[in-house]
Amino acid sequence: MRVVICGGGVIGACTAYFLGRHGIEVIVVERADVAAAASGRAGGFLALDWCAGTPLDALARRSFHLHAELASELSGDWGHRPMSAYSGFVMPDGDARRHLPSELDWLSEGVMIAGRIDTPETTAIVHPRKFTAGMMAAAEKLGAELRLERITGIVRTDGRVQGVEIDGGIIEADAVVLAMGPWSLLAAGWMDLPVVFGQRSPSVVYDTGSDVPAHALFLEYQDERDGSLTVEVFPRADGSTHVTAFSGQQPLPLDPTAITAEADEIARLMAICERLSPAFRTERIIARQACFRPVTQDGLPLIGKVTGSDGIYVATGHNVWGILNAPATGEALAELIAGQRPHVDLSPFDPKRLRPFDPSLLRLG
C-alpha cells in the first residue's frame, strides 16, 4: 500500500511516521519545506487537560503522553521539557500597583501573577520546528520519501483515488492524506471539503538563554488599540522564548514562504515584551514572524475520510493545538488507514459534520 501525504507540516510528519510503523509506503509531498508555515513558527506549548469537557479531551490526553514517549523512544532533540504555567496581568501606567515587584523575579515590576495554573506534570513544551523536522526524519528512517513538489489536483477513477497531480506528472497512490493546514482550502476545488480558515498570528522570538526559567505565562494586558488581550510567553529548552499576543483573519497567501510579519504589529508586540521583562531586549530578537493557523467553522479539527471520495483522508483545522495534537492525530489516522481501530474516537472530527465549501468563494492573497 502506498499513501501520499499532502503537506510537510507537523500533522503530515506525524502521520508519515505512524504509517511507517505499520509498514506502509509513504510519500510526503510538500510545496516549500518541512515546517515552512505554522508548524515552524508556533509556540509549542503542550497541555494534558486544557481541553477537558470538550470533544478534544481524549485526543489531547493521548497526544500529551505520546509527546513524552516519542521524545524518549526517538531520543528527540526537539527540547521536550515539562514546565509550570502561570496566569496574571500587567498593571497599566498610573495604577498604584505599577511598581510592585512581581512574584516571579525575572519579570518586571507591575507584572502581577494571579497564580500557578498548571504544573510540570500536566504542561510541557517542544520546539515546534525541531519537533516537526525530527518526526519527518524518523518517518524517513522507516522508509518515507519527502518530495518538494506542488500538488495541483487529485486523480480519481470512478470515485476511487489513484494518486495526486503535481507540476509535470502524477504520483500514484492507494490513499491520499490532505494535511495542508489552512491551504487545505485549495482542495475544496478537487472534492467536497468543509471550509478551513486561516487565523493569522504574529510573534517575536528572543534569545533569552538561562534568564527565563520554564514558566509559561498567560497575562492579561490592556492595549490602546485592541483593549484587553492575552500575552502568551513560552520559554523553550534551547534558550529561546516565543511571545505572541494578538491574531486576526487576513487573506491567505498562496505561498507559505511569502508570509511575513508586519512592521506595525511587531513594534506593538516588542513594546509589550519590553514591559514584561528586562530579558526581552531588542538586541536579543532572533525572529520577527507571523503564521496562519487552520481553523474550522465549529473550532474542531477535520480528521478522517473525505465524504464521497474513496481513499482520501483529511487532517487539518487544529487551530492553537496543532503541535499538541499532532502525534495522536497521526497515530489515529494511520490506524484508520491501516484498517485498525484508532486509539482515539475520531467521530467528533468527521468531515461530514460540516457542509462542503463552495470553491467559488475562495479568497487567497
Protein backbone atom coordinates (compact mmCIF):
# COMPACT_ATOMS: atom_id res chain seq x y z
CA MET A 1 0.00 0.00 0.00
CA ARG A 2 1.23 3.48 -0.86
CA VAL A 3 -0.05 6.63 0.83
CA VAL A 4 0.70 10.15 -0.39
CA ILE A 5 0.56 12.82 2.31
CA CYS A 6 -0.03 16.34 1.03
CA GLY A 7 1.80 18.69 3.40
CA GLY A 8 5.06 18.63 5.31
CA GLY A 9 3.88 20.30 8.50
CA VAL A 10 3.59 18.71 11.93
CA ILE A 11 0.39 16.77 11.10
CA GLY A 12 1.85 15.38 7.88
CA ALA A 13 5.14 14.45 9.56
CA CYS A 14 3.46 12.62 12.45
CA THR A 15 1.07 10.81 10.11
CA ALA A 16 4.01 9.71 7.95
CA TYR A 17 5.84 8.36 10.99
CA PHE A 18 2.91 6.32 12.30
CA LEU A 19 2.07 4.99 8.83
CA GLY A 20 5.69 3.88 8.59
CA ARG A 21 5.31 1.97 11.85
CA HIS A 22 2.55 0.00 10.12
CA GLY A 23 4.94 -0.86 7.30
CA ILE A 24 3.04 1.30 4.80
CA GLU A 25 4.91 3.04 1.97
CA VAL A 26 4.68 6.81 2.38
CA ILE A 27 5.46 9.75 0.12
CA VAL A 28 5.18 13.21 1.67
CA VAL A 29 4.70 15.98 -0.89
CA GLU A 30 5.48 19.49 0.34
CA ARG A 31 5.47 22.67 -1.72
CA ALA A 32 8.04 24.66 0.28
CA ASP A 33 9.92 22.88 3.07
CA VAL A 34 9.27 20.87 6.21
CA ALA A 35 7.63 23.08 8.87
CA ALA A 36 7.60 26.04 6.47
CA ALA A 37 4.42 27.57 7.91
CA ALA A 38 2.70 27.45 11.35
CA SER A 39 4.48 24.21 12.32
CA GLY A 40 7.75 26.11 12.36
CA ARG A 41 6.50 29.33 13.96
CA ALA A 42 4.13 28.19 16.69
CA GLY A 43 4.71 28.36 20.43
CA GLY A 44 4.99 24.60 21.00
CA PHE A 45 3.02 24.62 24.28
CA LEU A 46 1.58 21.26 25.42
CA ALA A 47 -1.20 20.71 27.98
CA LEU A 48 -2.67 17.47 29.27
CA ASP A 49 -6.13 18.57 30.35
CA TRP A 50 -6.82 22.05 28.98
CA CYS A 51 -9.38 20.54 26.59
CA ALA A 52 -11.30 18.75 29.39
CA GLY A 53 -15.05 18.84 28.86
CA THR A 54 -14.71 19.24 25.07
CA PRO A 55 -14.58 16.71 22.22
CA LEU A 56 -10.81 17.33 22.06
CA ASP A 57 -10.15 15.92 25.53
CA ALA A 58 -9.28 12.31 24.64
CA LEU A 59 -7.18 13.40 21.66
CA ALA A 60 -5.22 15.90 23.76
CA ARG A 61 -4.59 13.49 26.63
CA ARG A 62 -3.39 10.74 24.30
CA SER A 63 -1.20 13.19 22.42
CA PHE A 64 0.34 14.72 25.56
CA HIS A 65 1.55 11.28 26.65
CA LEU A 66 2.73 10.43 23.12
CA HIS A 67 4.91 13.55 23.11
CA ALA A 68 6.80 12.28 26.14
CA GLU A 69 7.04 8.75 24.73
CA LEU A 70 8.31 9.91 21.35
CA ALA A 71 10.93 12.18 22.90
CA SER A 72 12.24 9.17 24.85
CA GLU A 73 11.90 6.46 22.18
CA LEU A 74 13.39 8.53 19.36
CA SER A 75 15.93 10.39 21.52
CA GLY A 76 14.34 13.53 20.14
CA ASP A 77 16.47 16.67 20.15
CA TRP A 78 13.43 18.96 19.90
CA GLY A 79 13.55 20.12 23.51
CA HIS A 80 10.60 18.35 25.11
CA ARG A 81 10.51 19.92 28.58
CA PRO A 82 7.91 19.86 31.38
CA MET A 83 7.09 23.33 32.69
CA SER A 84 4.80 25.29 35.00
CA ALA A 85 2.13 27.66 33.70
CA TYR A 86 1.04 30.92 35.36
CA SER A 87 -1.75 33.41 34.81
CA GLY A 88 -1.56 37.09 35.67
CA PHE A 89 -1.97 40.66 34.49
CA VAL A 90 0.16 43.67 33.62
CA MET A 91 -0.56 46.84 35.56
CA PRO A 92 -1.04 49.91 33.32
CA ASP A 93 0.77 53.18 33.93
CA GLY A 94 -0.94 55.17 36.65
CA ASP A 95 -2.09 52.15 38.62
CA ALA A 96 -0.91 52.13 42.24
CA ARG A 97 0.43 48.61 41.76
CA ARG A 98 2.55 49.58 38.74
CA HIS A 99 5.79 49.46 40.76
CA LEU A 100 5.11 46.43 42.93
CA PRO A 101 7.63 43.60 42.47
CA SER A 102 6.46 40.53 40.58
CA GLU A 103 6.15 37.17 42.30
CA LEU A 104 8.48 35.76 39.61
CA ASP A 105 11.81 37.54 39.94
CA TRP A 106 12.63 37.50 36.22
CA LEU A 107 9.59 39.67 35.45
CA SER A 108 9.40 43.45 35.67
CA GLU A 109 7.61 45.43 38.36
CA GLY A 110 3.86 45.57 37.91
CA VAL A 111 3.60 42.16 36.21
CA MET A 112 1.34 40.53 38.76
CA ILE A 113 0.98 36.75 38.98
CA ALA A 114 -2.53 35.62 39.88
CA GLY A 115 -1.49 32.02 40.43
CA ARG A 116 0.07 28.87 39.05
CA ILE A 117 -2.48 27.23 36.76
CA ASP A 118 -0.54 24.07 35.93
CA THR A 119 2.49 22.05 36.94
CA PRO A 120 5.30 20.19 35.11
CA GLU A 121 3.19 17.04 35.41
CA THR A 122 0.49 18.48 33.16
CA THR A 123 2.16 21.10 30.94
CA ALA A 124 5.25 20.98 28.76
CA ILE A 125 6.79 22.46 25.62
CA VAL A 126 8.66 21.43 22.48
CA HIS A 127 10.45 23.45 19.82
CA PRO A 128 7.85 23.12 17.02
CA ARG A 129 10.19 23.34 14.03
CA LYS A 130 12.65 20.90 15.55
CA PHE A 131 9.84 18.53 16.54
CA THR A 132 8.33 18.56 13.04
CA ALA A 133 11.73 18.04 11.41
CA GLY A 134 12.54 15.29 13.92
CA MET A 135 9.32 13.41 13.20
CA MET A 136 9.89 13.72 9.46
CA ALA A 137 13.42 12.37 9.87
CA ALA A 138 12.05 9.48 11.94
CA ALA A 139 9.50 8.76 9.19
CA GLU A 140 12.26 8.74 6.57
CA LYS A 141 14.20 6.20 8.64
CA LEU A 142 11.12 3.98 8.35
CA GLY A 143 11.18 4.38 4.57
CA ALA A 144 9.13 7.51 3.92
CA GLU A 145 10.12 9.71 0.97
CA LEU A 146 9.94 13.51 1.05
CA ARG A 147 9.36 15.25 -2.27
CA LEU A 148 9.33 19.03 -2.74
CA GLU A 149 6.59 19.46 -5.33
CA ARG A 150 3.43 21.49 -5.81
CA ILE A 151 0.21 19.47 -5.80
CA THR A 152 -2.31 20.68 -8.37
CA GLY A 153 -5.08 18.09 -8.05
CA ILE A 154 -6.27 14.62 -7.12
CA VAL A 155 -6.50 11.78 -9.65
CA ARG A 156 -9.60 9.58 -9.31
CA THR A 157 -11.29 6.85 -11.34
CA ASP A 158 -14.96 6.09 -10.62
CA GLY A 159 -14.66 7.93 -7.31
CA ARG A 160 -11.60 5.97 -6.18
CA VAL A 161 -8.34 7.83 -5.65
CA GLN A 162 -5.47 6.91 -7.95
CA GLY A 163 -2.90 9.49 -6.90
CA VAL A 164 -2.08 13.19 -6.93
CA GLU A 165 -1.23 15.57 -9.72
CA ILE A 166 1.96 17.57 -9.40
CA ASP A 167 3.64 20.03 -11.73
CA GLY A 168 4.76 17.82 -14.59
CA GLY A 169 3.34 14.48 -13.55
CA ILE A 170 1.35 12.15 -11.33
CA ILE A 171 2.29 10.32 -8.14
CA GLU A 172 0.26 7.14 -7.90
CA ALA A 173 -1.25 6.21 -4.54
CA ASP A 174 -3.75 3.87 -2.91
CA ALA A 175 -4.69 6.57 -0.41
CA VAL A 176 -4.14 10.32 -0.07
CA VAL A 177 -4.00 12.38 3.14
CA LEU A 178 -4.66 16.13 2.99
CA ALA A 179 -2.60 17.76 5.75
CA MET A 180 -2.06 21.20 4.25
CA GLY A 181 -3.08 23.37 7.19
CA PRO A 182 -5.18 26.35 6.01
CA TRP A 183 -4.05 25.59 2.45
CA SER A 184 -6.32 22.53 2.64
CA LEU A 185 -8.89 25.05 1.43
CA LEU A 186 -7.36 24.67 -2.04
CA ALA A 187 -8.51 21.05 -2.06
CA ALA A 188 -12.14 22.23 -1.88
CA GLY A 189 -11.84 22.68 -5.63
CA TRP A 190 -10.96 19.00 -6.02
CA MET A 191 -13.55 17.38 -3.71
CA ASP A 192 -16.28 18.07 -1.13
CA LEU A 193 -14.42 19.54 1.83
CA PRO A 194 -15.56 21.88 4.63
CA VAL A 195 -14.07 25.37 4.78
CA VAL A 196 -10.80 25.90 6.63
CA PHE A 197 -9.94 29.47 7.61
CA GLY A 198 -6.51 30.94 8.21
CA GLN A 199 -6.10 32.75 11.56
CA ARG A 200 -3.04 34.98 11.40
CA SER A 201 -0.80 35.46 14.46
CA PRO A 202 2.45 37.46 14.75
CA SER A 203 5.18 36.51 17.22
CA VAL A 204 8.62 37.53 18.37
CA VAL A 205 11.31 35.06 19.45
CA TYR A 206 14.12 36.12 21.81
CA ASP A 207 17.43 34.50 22.67
CA THR A 208 17.00 34.62 26.44
CA GLY A 209 19.47 31.89 27.40
CA SER A 210 19.07 30.93 31.05
CA ASP A 211 17.48 34.27 32.05
CA VAL A 212 13.96 32.91 31.60
CA PRO A 213 13.04 29.72 33.51
CA ALA A 214 10.48 27.09 32.49
CA HIS A 215 7.47 29.33 33.15
CA ALA A 216 4.70 29.56 30.54
CA LEU A 217 2.76 32.80 31.04
CA PHE A 218 -0.77 33.86 30.11
CA LEU A 219 -1.03 37.53 31.01
CA GLU A 220 -3.90 39.99 30.62
CA TYR A 221 -2.67 43.23 29.03
CA GLN A 222 -4.54 46.44 28.24
CA ASP A 223 -3.74 47.56 24.71
CA GLU A 224 -4.70 51.01 23.42
CA ARG A 225 -5.83 49.58 20.08
CA ASP A 226 -7.34 46.19 20.95
CA GLY A 227 -8.35 46.67 24.58
CA SER A 228 -7.81 43.63 26.79
CA LEU A 229 -5.71 40.89 25.21
CA THR A 230 -3.77 37.86 26.41
CA VAL A 231 0.01 37.81 26.08
CA GLU A 232 1.43 34.28 25.83
CA VAL A 233 5.07 33.62 26.75
CA PHE A 234 6.69 30.24 26.03
CA PRO A 235 10.33 29.66 27.08
CA ARG A 236 11.97 26.70 25.34
CA ALA A 237 14.72 24.32 26.36
CA ASP A 238 17.14 25.72 23.76
CA GLY A 239 17.17 29.15 25.44
CA SER A 240 14.71 30.84 23.08
CA THR A 241 11.43 32.39 24.22
CA HIS A 242 8.38 32.77 21.95
CA VAL A 243 5.92 35.61 22.66
CA THR A 244 2.61 36.28 20.93
CA ALA A 245 -0.38 38.46 21.81
CA PHE A 246 -2.97 39.04 19.08
CA SER A 247 -4.38 37.50 15.92
CA GLY A 248 -6.84 38.18 13.11
CA GLN A 249 -8.10 36.99 9.76
CA GLN A 250 -6.45 38.13 6.54
CA PRO A 251 -6.30 36.69 3.01
CA LEU A 252 -4.12 33.58 2.94
CA PRO A 253 -1.05 33.86 0.67
CA LEU A 254 -0.73 31.08 -1.90
CA ASP A 255 2.93 30.63 -1.00
CA PRO A 256 3.63 29.77 2.68
CA THR A 257 7.10 31.27 2.41
CA ALA A 258 5.56 34.64 1.48
CA ILE A 259 4.14 35.15 4.99
CA THR A 260 5.97 37.97 6.72
CA ALA A 261 5.37 39.94 9.87
CA GLU A 262 4.08 43.49 9.52
CA ALA A 263 6.29 46.19 11.00
CA ASP A 264 3.45 47.79 12.98
CA GLU A 265 2.32 44.59 14.71
CA ILE A 266 5.88 43.60 15.56
CA ALA A 267 6.58 47.05 17.02
CA ARG A 268 3.47 46.74 19.22
CA LEU A 269 4.48 43.25 20.32
CA MET A 270 8.04 44.35 21.10
CA ALA A 271 6.70 47.19 23.26
CA ILE A 272 4.61 44.67 25.21
CA CYS A 273 7.61 42.37 25.65
CA GLU A 274 9.83 45.17 26.92
CA ARG A 275 7.17 45.92 29.52
CA LEU A 276 7.20 42.30 30.74
CA SER A 277 10.86 41.64 31.49
CA PRO A 278 14.39 43.03 31.06
CA ALA A 279 15.19 39.69 29.37
CA PHE A 280 13.25 40.85 26.31
CA ARG A 281 15.64 43.33 24.74
CA THR A 282 15.72 44.32 21.09
CA GLU A 283 19.25 43.05 20.52
CA ARG A 284 18.13 39.60 21.66
CA ILE A 285 15.47 39.18 18.97
CA ILE A 286 16.16 36.20 16.70
CA ALA A 287 12.85 36.11 14.80
CA ARG A 288 10.08 38.53 13.85
CA GLN A 289 7.46 36.34 12.26
CA ALA A 290 3.82 35.51 11.56
CA CYS A 291 1.87 32.39 10.69
CA PHE A 292 -1.64 31.24 9.73
CA ARG A 293 -3.32 28.65 11.95
CA PRO A 294 -6.01 26.43 10.36
CA VAL A 295 -9.47 26.91 11.90
CA THR A 296 -12.83 25.29 11.05
CA GLN A 297 -16.36 26.67 11.44
CA ASP A 298 -17.01 24.83 14.71
CA GLY A 299 -13.47 25.04 16.09
CA LEU A 300 -12.82 21.29 15.88
CA PRO A 301 -10.30 19.71 13.51
CA LEU A 302 -11.18 17.69 10.44
CA ILE A 303 -9.78 14.17 10.88
CA GLY A 304 -10.99 11.21 8.85
CA LYS A 305 -12.33 10.11 5.49
CA VAL A 306 -13.46 12.72 2.99
CA THR A 307 -17.12 12.27 2.08
CA GLY A 308 -17.73 10.92 -1.43
CA SER A 309 -14.04 10.30 -2.18
CA ASP A 310 -12.88 6.74 -1.64
CA GLY A 311 -9.30 6.59 -0.36
CA ILE A 312 -8.97 10.29 0.55
CA TYR A 313 -8.45 11.43 4.13
CA VAL A 314 -8.01 14.85 5.75
CA ALA A 315 -6.28 16.08 8.90
CA THR A 316 -6.34 19.82 9.48
CA GLY A 317 -8.08 22.59 11.42
CA HIS A 318 -6.31 22.07 14.76
CA ASN A 319 -6.05 25.82 15.49
CA VAL A 320 -3.84 26.55 18.55
CA TRP A 321 -3.50 22.85 19.43
CA GLY A 322 -1.77 21.66 16.26
CA ILE A 323 1.60 20.91 17.86
CA LEU A 324 -0.03 19.30 20.90
CA ASN A 325 -2.46 17.08 19.00
CA ALA A 326 -0.25 16.11 16.05
CA PRO A 327 1.05 12.78 17.47
CA ALA A 328 -2.39 11.41 18.40
CA THR A 329 -3.84 12.67 15.10
CA GLY A 330 -1.10 10.95 13.11
CA GLU A 331 -1.43 7.76 15.13
CA ALA A 332 -5.22 7.57 14.81
CA LEU A 333 -5.25 8.41 11.10
CA ALA A 334 -2.56 5.79 10.40
CA GLU A 335 -4.61 3.21 12.29
CA LEU A 336 -7.72 4.16 10.31
CA ILE A 337 -5.89 3.83 7.00
CA ALA A 338 -4.34 0.50 8.10
CA GLY A 339 -7.79 -0.90 8.88
CA GLN A 340 -7.35 -0.87 12.65
CA ARG A 341 -9.46 0.67 15.38
CA PRO A 342 -7.94 4.06 16.31
CA HIS A 343 -6.78 4.69 19.87
CA VAL A 344 -8.95 7.83 19.87
CA ASP A 345 -12.56 8.07 18.73
CA LEU A 346 -12.46 10.23 15.60
CA SER A 347 -16.23 10.60 15.16
CA PRO A 348 -16.33 14.17 16.64
CA PHE A 349 -13.89 15.23 13.92
CA ASP A 350 -15.59 13.53 10.94
CA PRO A 351 -15.51 15.98 8.00
CA LYS A 352 -19.08 15.12 7.02
CA ARG A 353 -20.40 17.00 10.09
CA LEU A 354 -19.85 20.28 8.22
CA ARG A 355 -21.23 21.50 4.90
CA PRO A 356 -18.76 21.38 1.96
CA PHE A 357 -17.18 24.68 0.99
CA ASP A 358 -18.12 26.45 -2.24
CA PRO A 359 -14.77 26.96 -4.05
CA SER A 360 -16.19 29.96 -5.95
CA LEU A 361 -15.94 31.88 -2.65
CA LEU A 362 -12.22 31.20 -2.31
CA ARG A 363 -10.16 34.26 -1.24
CA LEU A 364 -6.39 33.98 -1.26
CA GLY A 365 -3.73 36.67 -1.13
